[in-house]
Amino acid sequence: LGFGECQPMRLLPKLIDNPNKKSEKQRSTSNNRNLSSLSNTNNSKIQIQSIVLKRDCNVDVDPKHISDRREWATAHYHSYYNPHCLFELEIRWLVATSCILGDLITQWSLRTGTILGSNQVAFHLIPIPCDPFAEFDALRGKITK
């Protein structure tokens, strides 16, 4: 499958769209369609299509309302899903308790195996820190002075 032929991702659980934020865009041209249209007519212009590569949204970190305050995080994810490629989902959190966020990620990783049925797996969710040189786990590490 080519990049433009992939379908939008629809497997993420309970994501809240944030219409105020602008998505990162990259402009590209479709090779076959534009070249064939140029060969047919001399006056035609190259059509530039914009493809949104990454999107972001707010995530309700505490859907069970365990905490007495509102907690949320921001998720940055690829807008197209290809089952043969890695799908990156980055969660940036500031207003959330680390143990509640850790439980949410664990619930997501358990739910991915049961989305399509017991024999089929939609995708594997593997938590990896964004910082490759982190000295401790941000979700389970203690706060030091």
C-alpha atoms as a PDB file:
ATOM      1  CA  LEU A   1       0.000   0.000   0.000  1.00  0.00           C
ATOM      2  CA  GLY A   2       1.173   3.498  -0.763  1.00  0.00           C
ATOM      3  CA  PHE A   3       1.042   6.210   1.877  1.00  0.00           C
ATOM      4  CA  GLY A   4      -1.937   7.964   0.290  1.00  0.00           C
ATOM      5  CA  GLU A   5      -3.898   4.704   0.035  1.00  0.00           C
ATOM      6  CA  CYS A   6      -3.945   3.997   3.793  1.00  0.00           C
ATOM      7  CA  GLN A   7      -7.147   4.461   5.738  1.00  0.00           C
ATOM      8  CA  PRO A   8      -7.561   6.919   8.642  1.00  0.00           C
ATOM      9  CA  MET A   9      -6.988   5.391  12.080  1.00  0.00           C
ATOM     10  CA  ARG A  10     -10.227   4.553  13.911  1.00  0.00           C
ATOM     11  CA  LEU A  11      -9.062   2.142  16.650  1.00  0.00           C
ATOM     12  CA  LEU A  12      -8.065   4.645  19.343  1.00  0.00           C
ATOM     13  CA  PRO A  13     -10.357   4.479  22.380  1.00  0.00           C
ATOM     14  CA  LYS A  14     -12.139   7.560  23.733  1.00  0.00           C
ATOM     15  CA  LEU A  15     -10.193  10.415  22.177  1.00  0.00           C
ATOM     16  CA  ILE A  16     -11.551  13.935  22.456  1.00  0.00           C
ATOM     17  CA  ASP A  17     -11.021  16.118  19.376  1.00  0.00           C
ATOM     18  CA  ASN A  18      -9.535  19.541  19.937  1.00  0.00           C
ATOM     19  CA  PRO A  19     -10.673  21.788  17.045  1.00  0.00           C
ATOM     20  CA  ASN A  20      -8.629  24.777  18.292  1.00  0.00           C
ATOM     21  CA  LYS A  21      -5.252  23.164  17.566  1.00  0.00           C
ATOM     22  CA  LYS A  22      -3.788  23.136  14.085  1.00  0.00           C
ATOM     23  CA  SER A  23      -2.394  19.887  12.713  1.00  0.00           C
ATOM     24  CA  GLU A  24       1.077  19.471  11.277  1.00  0.00           C
ATOM     25  CA  LYS A  25       0.736  19.350   7.506  1.00  0.00           C
ATOM     26  CA  GLN A  26       2.995  18.326   4.697  1.00  0.00           C
ATOM     27  CA  ARG A  27       2.292  19.108   1.092  1.00  0.00           C
ATOM     28  CA  SER A  28       2.901  16.476  -1.508  1.00  0.00           C
ATOM     29  CA  THR A  29       1.866  15.701  -5.036  1.00  0.00           C
ATOM     30  CA  SER A  30       0.375  12.492  -6.276  1.00  0.00           C
ATOM     31  CA  ASN A  31       2.769  11.126  -8.890  1.00  0.00           C
ATOM     32  CA  ASN A  32       0.639   9.256 -11.398  1.00  0.00           C
ATOM     33  CA  ARG A  33      -2.378  11.574 -11.538  1.00  0.00           C
ATOM     34  CA  ASN A  34      -0.438  14.821 -11.938  1.00  0.00           C
ATOM     35  CA  LEU A  35       1.987  13.460 -14.537  1.00  0.00           C
ATOM     36  CA  SER A  36      -0.806  12.001 -16.654  1.00  0.00           C
ATOM     37  CA  SER A  37      -2.771  15.252 -16.510  1.00  0.00           C
ATOM     38  CA  LEU A  38       0.317  17.216 -17.605  1.00  0.00           C
ATOM     39  CA  SER A  39       0.828  14.986 -20.617  1.00  0.00           C
ATOM     40  CA  ASN A  40      -2.804  15.396 -21.734  1.00  0.00           C
ATOM     41  CA  THR A  41      -3.079  19.181 -21.583  1.00  0.00           C
ATOM     42  CA  ASN A  42      -0.369  21.811 -21.861  1.00  0.00           C
ATOM     43  CA  ASN A  43      -2.204  24.477 -19.817  1.00  0.00           C
ATOM     44  CA  SER A  44      -2.909  22.351 -16.747  1.00  0.00           C
ATOM     45  CA  LYS A  45      -1.221  23.208 -13.450  1.00  0.00           C
ATOM     46  CA  ILE A  46       0.187  20.747 -10.950  1.00  0.00           C
ATOM     47  CA  GLN A  47      -2.369  20.062  -8.249  1.00  0.00           C
ATOM     48  CA  ILE A  48      -0.910  20.121  -4.765  1.00  0.00           C
ATOM     49  CA  GLN A  49      -2.719  18.006  -2.205  1.00  0.00           C
ATOM     50  CA  SER A  50      -2.158  18.524   1.486  1.00  0.00           C
ATOM     51  CA  ILE A  51      -1.895  15.417   3.625  1.00  0.00           C
ATOM     52  CA  VAL A  52      -2.136  15.649   7.398  1.00  0.00           C
ATOM     53  CA  LEU A  53       0.595  13.344   8.723  1.00  0.00           C
ATOM     54  CA  LYS A  54       0.046  13.769  12.455  1.00  0.00           C
ATOM     55  CA  ARG A  55      -2.951  14.826  14.469  1.00  0.00           C
ATOM     56  CA  ASP A  56      -3.422  15.636  18.107  1.00  0.00           C
ATOM     57  CA  CYS A  57      -6.318  15.461  20.530  1.00  0.00           C
ATOM     58  CA  ASN A  58      -7.054  15.628  24.236  1.00  0.00           C
ATOM     59  CA  VAL A  59      -7.346  12.348  26.141  1.00  0.00           C
ATOM     60  CA  ASP A  60      -9.510  11.886  29.218  1.00  0.00           C
ATOM     61  CA  VAL A  61      -6.967  10.226  31.506  1.00  0.00           C
ATOM     62  CA  ASP A  62      -9.470   9.477  34.285  1.00  0.00           C
ATOM     63  CA  PRO A  63     -12.635   8.071  32.629  1.00  0.00           C
ATOM     64  CA  LYS A  64     -13.643   6.258  35.857  1.00  0.00           C
ATOM     65  CA  HIS A  65     -13.379   9.518  37.882  1.00  0.00           C
ATOM     66  CA  ILE A  66     -11.026   8.058  40.492  1.00  0.00           C
ATOM     67  CA  SER A  67      -9.433  11.426  41.185  1.00  0.00           C
ATOM     68  CA  ASP A  68     -11.331  14.384  42.621  1.00  0.00           C
ATOM     69  CA  ARG A  69      -9.936  16.737  39.955  1.00  0.00           C
ATOM     70  CA  ARG A  70     -10.028  16.800  36.166  1.00  0.00           C
ATOM     71  CA  GLU A  71      -7.043  15.096  34.545  1.00  0.00           C
ATOM     72  CA  TRP A  72      -6.132  15.083  30.868  1.00  0.00           C
ATOM     73  CA  ALA A  73      -3.280  14.545  28.458  1.00  0.00           C
ATOM     74  CA  THR A  74      -2.568  15.289  24.801  1.00  0.00           C
ATOM     75  CA  ALA A  75      -2.114  12.478  22.287  1.00  0.00           C
ATOM     76  CA  HIS A  76      -0.135  12.965  19.064  1.00  0.00           C
ATOM     77  CA  TYR A  77      -0.715  10.189  16.552  1.00  0.00           C
ATOM     78  CA  HIS A  78      -0.312   9.345  12.874  1.00  0.00           C
ATOM     79  CA  SER A  79      -3.439  10.141  10.894  1.00  0.00           C
ATOM     80  CA  TYR A  80      -3.094   7.074   8.642  1.00  0.00           C
ATOM     81  CA  TYR A  81      -2.872   3.463   9.741  1.00  0.00           C
ATOM     82  CA  ASN A  82      -0.970   0.851   7.769  1.00  0.00           C
ATOM     83  CA  PRO A  83      -0.908  -2.631   9.351  1.00  0.00           C
ATOM     84  CA  HIS A  84       2.571  -3.264   7.900  1.00  0.00           C
ATOM     85  CA  CYS A  85       4.142  -0.160   9.492  1.00  0.00           C
ATOM     86  CA  LEU A  86       4.754   1.130  12.980  1.00  0.00           C
ATOM     87  CA  PHE A  87       2.022   3.403  14.332  1.00  0.00           C
ATOM     88  CA  GLU A  88       3.298   6.028  16.756  1.00  0.00           C
ATOM     89  CA  LEU A  89       1.082   7.293  19.565  1.00  0.00           C
ATOM     90  CA  GLU A  90       2.777   9.855  21.803  1.00  0.00           C
ATOM     91  CA  ILE A  91       1.050  10.914  25.011  1.00  0.00           C
ATOM     92  CA  ARG A  92       2.137  14.195  26.563  1.00  0.00           C
ATOM     93  CA  TRP A  93       0.819  14.682  30.065  1.00  0.00           C
ATOM     94  CA  LEU A  94       1.117  17.454  32.589  1.00  0.00           C
ATOM     95  CA  VAL A  95      -2.250  17.555  34.343  1.00  0.00           C
ATOM     96  CA  ALA A  96      -2.501  13.887  35.283  1.00  0.00           C
ATOM     97  CA  THR A  97      -1.530  11.551  38.077  1.00  0.00           C
ATOM     98  CA  SER A  98       1.139   9.107  36.946  1.00  0.00           C
ATOM     99  CA  CYS A  99      -0.513   6.036  38.479  1.00  0.00           C
ATOM    100  CA  ILE A 100      -3.874   6.822  36.820  1.00  0.00           C
ATOM    101  CA  LEU A 101      -2.160   7.438  33.472  1.00  0.00           C
ATOM    102  CA  GLY A 102      -0.218   4.177  33.856  1.00  0.00           C
ATOM    103  CA  ASP A 103      -3.475   2.311  34.527  1.00  0.00           C
ATOM    104  CA  LEU A 104      -5.057   3.866  31.423  1.00  0.00           C
ATOM    105  CA  ILE A 105      -2.151   2.752  29.208  1.00  0.00           C
ATOM    106  CA  THR A 106      -2.349  -0.745  30.709  1.00  0.00           C
ATOM    107  CA  GLN A 107      -6.098  -0.854  29.959  1.00  0.00           C
ATOM    108  CA  TRP A 108      -5.441   0.229  26.363  1.00  0.00           C
ATOM    109  CA  SER A 109      -2.820  -2.486  25.911  1.00  0.00           C
ATOM    110  CA  LEU A 110      -5.235  -5.122  27.253  1.00  0.00           C
ATOM    111  CA  ARG A 111      -8.101  -3.893  25.044  1.00  0.00           C
ATOM    112  CA  THR A 112      -6.133  -4.067  21.794  1.00  0.00           C
ATOM    113  CA  GLY A 113      -6.228  -7.868  21.778  1.00  0.00           C
ATOM    114  CA  THR A 114     -10.005  -7.999  22.209  1.00  0.00           C
ATOM    115  CA  ILE A 115     -11.127  -5.367  19.699  1.00  0.00           C
ATOM    116  CA  LEU A 116     -11.570  -7.739  16.771  1.00  0.00           C
ATOM    117  CA  GLY A 117     -12.130 -10.959  18.708  1.00  0.00           C
ATOM    118  CA  SER A 118     -10.158 -13.457  20.728  1.00  0.00           C
ATOM    119  CA  ASN A 119      -8.210 -14.924  17.769  1.00  0.00           C
ATOM    120  CA  GLN A 120      -7.397 -11.670  15.969  1.00  0.00           C
ATOM    121  CA  VAL A 121      -5.165  -8.877  17.231  1.00  0.00           C
ATOM    122  CA  ALA A 122      -5.711  -5.331  15.956  1.00  0.00           C
ATOM    123  CA  PHE A 123      -2.299  -4.039  17.063  1.00  0.00           C
ATOM    124  CA  HIS A 124       0.160  -4.340  19.941  1.00  0.00           C
ATOM    125  CA  LEU A 125       0.559  -1.369  22.269  1.00  0.00           C
ATOM    126  CA  ILE A 126       4.054  -1.173  23.759  1.00  0.00           C
ATOM    127  CA  PRO A 127       4.807   1.724  26.148  1.00  0.00           C
ATOM    128  CA  ILE A 128       8.202   3.246  25.361  1.00  0.00           C
ATOM    129  CA  PRO A 129       9.536   6.487  26.904  1.00  0.00           C
ATOM    130  CA  CYS A 130       9.979   9.351  24.419  1.00  0.00           C
ATOM    131  CA  ASP A 131      13.380  10.217  25.893  1.00  0.00           C
ATOM    132  CA  PRO A 132      15.842   7.437  24.972  1.00  0.00           C
ATOM    133  CA  PHE A 133      18.282   8.556  27.685  1.00  0.00           C
ATOM    134  CA  ALA A 134      15.810   8.780  30.573  1.00  0.00           C
ATOM    135  CA  GLU A 135      17.276   7.711  33.910  1.00  0.00           C
ATOM    136  CA  PHE A 136      13.988   6.404  35.343  1.00  0.00           C
ATOM    137  CA  ASP A 137      10.472   5.481  34.291  1.00  0.00           C
ATOM    138  CA  ALA A 138       8.365   8.653  34.272  1.00  0.00           C
ATOM    139  CA  LEU A 139       5.135   6.824  35.120  1.00  0.00           C
ATOM    140  CA  ARG A 140       6.453   4.802  38.048  1.00  0.00           C
ATOM    141  CA  GLY A 141       9.472   6.791  39.203  1.00  0.00           C
ATOM    142  CA  LYS A 142       9.575   8.685  42.479  1.00  0.00           C
ATOM    143  CA  ILE A 143       9.846  12.461  42.656  1.00  0.00           C
ATOM    144  CA  THR A 144      13.270  13.564  43.906  1.00  0.00           C
ATOM    145  CA  LYS A 145      14.474  16.973  44.998  1.00  0.00           C
END
